[in-house]
């Protein structure tokens, strides 16, 4: 089977796997739910609390965009405004397309709006995911003494050990070999039309530059602080919405919900993580013995707060991005 056919088969397989995972988690989320109680929870909630919850989501997005900006090396760091726009666009695409297509979309958008190297931006996106997962695991273990019994704590511990070992190994390899492994890995691409050996070597250099936040301790400190701060803001958003649903839980409950949601995002799923999102929220609230029907009411609204605003903002960003590119096109043609 030819290489393109294998890649196409793998891509389609990943998409269908995502839909299968979403279907499974949707079933797990609703199998013991009483729809009348879910509707009662939705009807009796105070939706004024969605306003501060949404503001906290917006604040977290800006912090996460600033974190992405600082993952770039100082010599190639793009301005904040196009990074924010690309971040919004990525969230928009992730909510409407499967297989985390938003990651590729924001890399392309940042390249078009700020001239950022696609290879470097791709490397920062991978590093970003590492920071996200490690920060969530650190928050989980730090807060564990004040949390109720969390059944998946051992699994999280295994994930932490594996990920930490992978990060340490990557840092050691980058320090010892630099961009040589990436040069070797990308060199076969030079056989393709329109791709030269020089381009593959520049891409290898960009990838290593994009991993600067794994080796530069100043970048590590800034990126870690911004990452943890963004998750705390999202945890506060989850908790604020709990007030509207009269769940009578503290801020730590909101943090446990966002930790569960963030770790569940590792799984392949359908667009907007339908089913996976709700199931993760229910698992977190189960630790507080919140009835599943009431928890599902809360999870549905929380998901809506993390879906519809990104859809609206994404449409605005796409319109502005397209208009700017059209405005520049005639000037280039002339």
Protein backbone atom coordinates (compact mmCIF):
# COMPACT_ATOMS: atom_id res chain seq x y z
CA UNK A 1 0.00 0.00 0.00
CA UNK A 2 1.41 3.42 -1.02
CA UNK A 3 2.47 6.03 1.53
CA UNK A 4 -0.36 8.53 0.75
CA UNK A 5 -2.93 5.74 1.02
CA UNK A 6 -1.54 4.68 4.40
CA UNK A 7 -1.69 8.25 5.68
CA UNK A 8 -5.24 8.66 4.40
CA UNK A 9 -6.27 5.37 6.01
CA UNK A 10 -4.64 6.37 9.31
CA UNK A 11 -6.35 9.78 9.24
CA UNK A 12 -9.77 8.27 8.56
CA UNK A 13 -9.15 5.63 11.20
CA UNK A 14 -8.34 8.31 13.77
CA UNK A 15 -11.50 10.23 12.88
CA UNK A 16 -13.71 7.16 13.25
CA UNK A 17 -11.93 6.20 16.46
CA UNK A 18 -12.75 9.66 17.81
CA UNK A 19 -16.43 9.26 16.97
CA UNK A 20 -16.45 5.80 18.55
CA UNK A 21 -14.87 7.13 21.75
CA UNK A 22 -17.40 9.98 21.88
CA UNK A 23 -20.28 7.54 21.35
CA UNK A 24 -19.02 5.29 24.15
CA UNK A 25 -18.61 8.17 26.61
CA UNK A 26 -21.98 9.63 25.64
CA UNK A 27 -23.57 6.30 26.52
CA UNK A 28 -21.70 6.17 29.83
CA UNK A 29 -22.80 9.72 30.64
CA UNK A 30 -26.52 9.21 29.99
CA UNK A 31 -27.17 5.51 30.72
CA UNK A 32 -28.45 6.04 34.29
CA UNK A 33 -29.80 9.57 33.82
CA UNK A 34 -33.40 10.59 34.43
CA UNK A 35 -34.26 13.10 31.74
CA UNK A 36 -36.93 14.76 33.88
CA UNK A 37 -34.36 15.52 36.57
CA UNK A 38 -31.90 16.81 33.97
CA UNK A 39 -34.57 19.17 32.63
CA UNK A 40 -35.46 20.27 36.17
CA UNK A 41 -31.81 21.06 36.84
CA UNK A 42 -31.61 23.14 33.66
CA UNK A 43 -34.89 24.95 34.37
CA UNK A 44 -34.17 25.78 38.02
CA UNK A 45 -30.64 27.15 37.59
CA UNK A 46 -29.60 30.78 37.94
CA UNK A 47 -28.07 31.62 34.57
CA UNK A 48 -26.73 34.99 35.72
CA UNK A 49 -23.74 33.01 36.96
CA UNK A 50 -22.86 32.18 33.35
CA UNK A 51 -21.64 35.76 32.91
CA UNK A 52 -18.70 35.64 35.37
CA UNK A 53 -18.04 32.07 34.29
CA UNK A 54 -17.76 33.18 30.67
CA UNK A 55 -15.53 36.13 31.61
CA UNK A 56 -13.16 33.73 33.36
CA UNK A 57 -13.06 31.55 30.23
CA UNK A 58 -12.17 34.62 28.17
CA UNK A 59 -9.44 35.60 30.65
CA UNK A 60 -8.01 32.08 30.53
CA UNK A 61 -7.89 32.21 26.73
CA UNK A 62 -5.80 35.39 26.80
CA UNK A 63 -3.45 33.84 29.39
CA UNK A 64 -3.13 30.67 27.30
CA UNK A 65 -2.39 32.75 24.20
CA UNK A 66 0.32 34.61 26.14
CA UNK A 67 1.70 31.23 27.21
CA UNK A 68 1.84 30.08 23.58
CA UNK A 69 3.59 33.32 22.64
CA UNK A 70 6.29 32.73 25.27
CA UNK A 71 6.89 29.18 24.10
CA UNK A 72 8.58 30.71 21.06
CA UNK A 73 12.23 31.65 21.34
CA UNK A 74 12.76 35.38 21.92
CA UNK A 75 14.29 35.82 18.46
CA UNK A 76 11.18 34.53 16.66
CA UNK A 77 8.39 35.38 19.11
CA UNK A 78 5.23 36.66 17.34
CA UNK A 79 3.13 39.57 18.68
CA UNK A 80 0.32 38.76 21.10
CA UNK A 81 -2.62 39.94 18.95
CA UNK A 82 -2.15 37.40 16.10
CA UNK A 83 -1.43 34.69 18.68
CA UNK A 84 -4.78 35.41 20.39
CA UNK A 85 -6.56 35.31 17.03
CA UNK A 86 -4.89 32.04 16.06
CA UNK A 87 -5.79 30.55 19.46
CA UNK A 88 -9.45 31.48 18.99
CA UNK A 89 -9.41 30.06 15.47
CA UNK A 90 -7.90 26.81 16.74
CA UNK A 91 -10.64 26.43 19.34
CA UNK A 92 -13.27 27.18 16.70
CA UNK A 93 -11.94 24.50 14.34
CA UNK A 94 -11.61 21.94 17.16
CA UNK A 95 -15.29 22.52 17.90
CA UNK A 96 -16.44 21.89 14.33
CA UNK A 97 -13.93 19.36 12.95
CA UNK A 98 -12.60 16.05 14.31
CA UNK A 99 -9.04 14.85 14.96
CA UNK A 100 -7.90 18.08 16.69
CA UNK A 101 -7.78 19.84 13.33
CA UNK A 102 -7.69 23.17 15.17
CA UNK A 103 -4.03 22.64 16.04
CA UNK A 104 -3.08 22.68 12.35
CA UNK A 105 -5.46 25.58 11.69
CA UNK A 106 -3.89 27.84 14.29
CA UNK A 107 -0.38 27.02 13.07
CA UNK A 108 -1.36 28.05 9.54
CA UNK A 109 -3.18 31.15 10.79
CA UNK A 110 -0.17 32.30 12.82
CA UNK A 111 2.09 31.73 9.83
CA UNK A 112 -0.17 33.83 7.61
CA UNK A 113 -0.76 36.66 10.07
CA UNK A 114 2.63 36.92 11.82
CA UNK A 115 5.02 35.02 9.55
CA UNK A 116 5.82 32.47 12.25
CA UNK A 117 7.61 29.35 11.03
CA UNK A 118 5.14 26.49 10.69
CA UNK A 119 7.72 23.98 11.91
CA UNK A 120 8.53 26.06 14.98
CA UNK A 121 4.85 26.72 15.70
CA UNK A 122 4.11 22.99 15.42
CA UNK A 123 6.89 22.27 17.92
CA UNK A 124 5.48 24.84 20.35
CA UNK A 125 2.03 23.23 20.07
CA UNK A 126 3.51 19.87 21.10
CA UNK A 127 5.39 21.51 23.97
CA UNK A 128 2.16 23.29 24.93
CA UNK A 129 0.36 19.96 25.33
CA UNK A 130 3.19 18.69 27.54
CA UNK A 131 2.90 21.75 29.79
CA UNK A 132 -0.87 21.36 29.96
CA UNK A 133 -0.86 17.72 31.02
CA UNK A 134 2.04 18.07 33.46
CA UNK A 135 0.45 21.15 35.05
CA UNK A 136 -2.87 19.36 35.48
CA UNK A 137 -1.14 16.39 37.08
CA UNK A 138 0.83 18.65 39.43
CA UNK A 139 -2.37 20.47 40.42
CA UNK A 140 -4.10 17.13 41.03
CA UNK A 141 -1.35 15.81 43.31
CA UNK A 142 -0.93 19.12 45.16
CA UNK A 143 -4.68 19.39 45.83
CA UNK A 144 -5.17 15.66 46.54
CA UNK A 145 -5.05 16.00 50.37
CA UNK A 146 -8.04 18.36 50.25
CA UNK A 147 -10.02 16.49 47.60
CA UNK A 148 -12.48 13.64 48.13
CA UNK A 149 -11.45 10.14 47.13
CA UNK A 150 -10.41 10.22 43.45
CA UNK A 151 -10.55 6.73 41.95
CA UNK A 152 -8.34 7.61 38.98
CA UNK A 153 -5.47 9.08 41.03
CA UNK A 154 -3.27 6.01 40.47
CA UNK A 155 -3.77 6.18 36.70
CA UNK A 156 -2.85 9.85 36.81
CA UNK A 157 0.31 8.94 38.71
CA UNK A 158 1.36 6.45 36.05
CA UNK A 159 0.73 9.07 33.35
CA UNK A 160 2.82 11.59 35.30
CA UNK A 161 5.77 9.19 35.56
CA UNK A 162 5.64 8.30 31.85
CA UNK A 163 5.29 11.89 30.69
CA UNK A 164 8.03 13.15 33.01
CA UNK A 165 10.40 10.46 31.74
CA UNK A 166 9.59 11.40 28.14
CA UNK A 167 10.23 15.10 28.83
CA UNK A 168 13.53 14.43 30.59
CA UNK A 169 14.61 12.14 27.76
CA UNK A 170 13.69 14.78 25.18
CA UNK A 171 15.61 17.50 27.01
CA UNK A 172 18.69 15.28 27.29
CA UNK A 173 18.46 14.31 23.60
CA UNK A 174 18.09 17.94 22.50
CA UNK A 175 21.05 18.96 24.62
CA UNK A 176 23.26 16.20 23.27
CA UNK A 177 22.25 15.93 19.63
CA UNK A 178 20.62 19.29 18.83
CA UNK A 179 18.78 19.28 15.52
CA UNK A 180 20.66 16.30 14.02
CA UNK A 181 17.85 13.74 14.66
CA UNK A 182 15.30 16.06 13.04
CA UNK A 183 17.57 16.66 10.05
CA UNK A 184 17.78 12.92 9.49
CA UNK A 185 14.04 12.49 10.03
CA UNK A 186 13.07 15.26 7.59
CA UNK A 187 15.75 14.61 4.96
CA UNK A 188 13.64 12.08 2.97
CA UNK A 189 11.10 14.87 2.34
CA UNK A 190 13.68 16.52 0.07
CA UNK A 191 12.85 13.85 -2.53
CA UNK A 192 9.38 15.34 -2.96
CA UNK A 193 8.67 18.02 -5.58
CA UNK A 194 9.13 21.65 -4.46
CA UNK A 195 10.93 20.60 -1.25
CA UNK A 196 14.67 21.12 -1.12
CA UNK A 197 17.24 19.82 1.31
CA UNK A 198 17.79 23.38 2.48
CA UNK A 199 14.12 23.69 3.41
CA UNK A 200 14.16 20.46 5.41
CA UNK A 201 17.25 21.59 7.31
CA UNK A 202 15.66 24.96 8.09
CA UNK A 203 12.58 23.12 9.31
CA UNK A 204 14.74 20.98 11.60
CA UNK A 205 16.31 24.11 13.06
CA UNK A 206 12.85 25.62 13.57
CA UNK A 207 11.59 22.51 15.37
CA UNK A 208 14.48 22.65 17.83
CA UNK A 209 13.94 26.39 18.31
CA UNK A 210 10.26 25.68 19.01
CA UNK A 211 11.30 23.34 21.83
CA UNK A 212 13.22 26.15 23.57
CA UNK A 213 10.72 26.18 26.44
CA UNK A 214 11.91 22.70 27.44
CA UNK A 215 15.53 23.83 27.84
CA UNK A 216 15.57 27.53 28.73
CA UNK A 217 14.76 27.77 32.46
CA UNK A 218 13.46 31.33 32.13
CA UNK A 219 10.96 30.20 29.50
CA UNK A 220 10.14 27.16 31.64
CA UNK A 221 9.31 29.41 34.61
CA UNK A 222 7.14 31.79 32.58
CA UNK A 223 5.36 29.04 30.65
CA UNK A 224 4.70 26.99 33.80
CA UNK A 225 3.28 30.00 35.65
CA UNK A 226 1.01 30.99 32.77
CA UNK A 227 -0.13 27.40 32.25
CA UNK A 228 -1.08 26.88 35.90
CA UNK A 229 -2.71 30.32 35.96
CA UNK A 230 -4.84 29.49 32.92
CA UNK A 231 -6.06 26.24 34.50
CA UNK A 232 -6.88 28.01 37.77
CA UNK A 233 -8.96 30.55 35.84
CA UNK A 234 -10.81 27.73 34.07
CA UNK A 235 -11.30 25.93 37.39
CA UNK A 236 -12.76 29.14 38.84
CA UNK A 237 -15.06 29.32 35.80
CA UNK A 238 -16.28 25.77 36.50
CA UNK A 239 -16.86 26.61 40.16
CA UNK A 240 -18.68 29.88 39.39
CA UNK A 241 -21.16 27.99 37.22
CA UNK A 242 -21.70 25.53 40.09
CA UNK A 243 -23.10 28.43 42.11
CA UNK A 244 -25.80 28.88 39.49
CA UNK A 245 -26.70 25.18 39.74
CA UNK A 246 -26.85 25.27 43.57
CA UNK A 247 -24.34 22.44 43.92
CA UNK A 248 -22.97 23.91 47.20
CA UNK A 249 -19.38 22.99 46.43
CA UNK A 250 -16.14 24.92 46.88
CA UNK A 251 -13.49 26.13 44.48
CA UNK A 252 -11.62 22.82 44.77
CA UNK A 253 -14.57 21.08 43.12
CA UNK A 254 -14.21 23.40 40.14
CA UNK A 255 -10.52 22.58 40.01
CA UNK A 256 -11.23 18.83 40.05
CA UNK A 257 -13.71 19.27 37.19
CA UNK A 258 -11.23 21.17 35.02
CA UNK A 259 -8.47 18.67 35.81
CA UNK A 260 -10.74 15.82 34.69
CA UNK A 261 -11.76 17.75 31.55
CA UNK A 262 -8.17 18.63 30.69
CA UNK A 263 -6.89 15.08 31.09
CA UNK A 264 -9.85 13.68 29.14
CA UNK A 265 -8.88 15.94 26.24
CA UNK A 266 -5.97 13.56 25.61
CA UNK A 267 -8.46 11.02 24.25
CA UNK A 268 -9.45 11.08 20.58
CA UNK A 269 -13.03 12.26 20.20
CA UNK A 270 -15.57 13.81 17.88
CA UNK A 271 -15.70 17.59 17.28
CA UNK A 272 -16.12 19.57 20.53
CA UNK A 273 -15.36 16.37 22.50
CA UNK A 274 -19.07 15.56 22.66
CA UNK A 275 -19.69 12.86 25.25
CA UNK A 276 -16.10 12.85 26.51
CA UNK A 277 -16.58 16.33 28.01
CA UNK A 278 -19.80 15.39 29.79
CA UNK A 279 -18.47 12.06 31.04
CA UNK A 280 -15.32 13.70 32.47
CA UNK A 281 -17.37 16.31 34.31
CA UNK A 282 -19.63 13.60 35.72
CA UNK A 283 -16.65 11.54 36.92
CA UNK A 284 -15.30 14.58 38.79
CA UNK A 285 -18.65 15.42 40.39
CA UNK A 286 -19.23 11.79 41.33
CA UNK A 287 -16.40 12.17 43.85
CA UNK A 288 -18.63 14.75 45.60
CA UNK A 289 -21.66 12.42 45.40
CA UNK A 290 -23.59 14.75 43.11
CA UNK A 291 -26.49 12.83 41.52
CA UNK A 292 -25.76 11.98 37.90
CA UNK A 293 -28.83 13.76 36.51
CA UNK A 294 -28.00 17.03 38.27
CA UNK A 295 -24.35 16.70 37.30
CA UNK A 296 -25.33 16.21 33.65
CA UNK A 297 -27.42 19.42 33.70
CA UNK A 298 -24.37 21.30 34.92
CA UNK A 299 -22.04 19.58 32.43
CA UNK A 300 -24.28 20.45 29.47
CA UNK A 301 -24.29 24.16 30.30
CA UNK A 302 -20.56 24.14 31.06
CA UNK A 303 -19.96 22.55 27.65
CA UNK A 304 -22.16 25.17 26.00
CA UNK A 305 -20.09 27.94 27.63
CA UNK A 306 -16.97 26.38 26.13
CA UNK A 307 -18.54 25.89 22.70
CA UNK A 308 -20.84 28.67 21.49
CA UNK A 309 -18.61 31.65 22.46
CA UNK A 310 -15.74 30.10 20.51
CA UNK A 311 -18.00 29.55 17.51
CA UNK A 312 -19.05 33.21 17.50
CA UNK A 313 -15.54 34.50 18.17
CA UNK A 314 -14.13 32.15 15.54
CA UNK A 315 -16.49 33.49 12.88
CA UNK A 316 -15.41 37.04 13.70
CA UNK A 317 -11.72 36.09 13.56
CA UNK A 318 -12.12 34.23 10.24
CA UNK A 319 -13.93 37.24 8.74
CA UNK A 320 -11.23 39.67 9.92
CA UNK A 321 -8.41 37.34 8.83
CA UNK A 322 -9.93 36.86 5.36
CA UNK A 323 -10.53 40.59 4.92
CA UNK A 324 -6.91 41.41 5.79
CA UNK A 325 -5.57 38.81 3.34
CA UNK A 326 -7.81 40.14 0.58
CA UNK A 327 -6.65 43.67 1.31
CA UNK A 328 -3.01 42.62 0.95
CA UNK A 329 -3.59 40.51 -2.18
CA UNK A 330 -4.21 43.40 -4.64
CA UNK A 331 -1.13 45.24 -3.33
CA UNK A 332 1.00 42.14 -3.99
CA UNK A 333 -0.54 41.74 -7.45
CA UNK A 334 0.25 45.33 -8.36
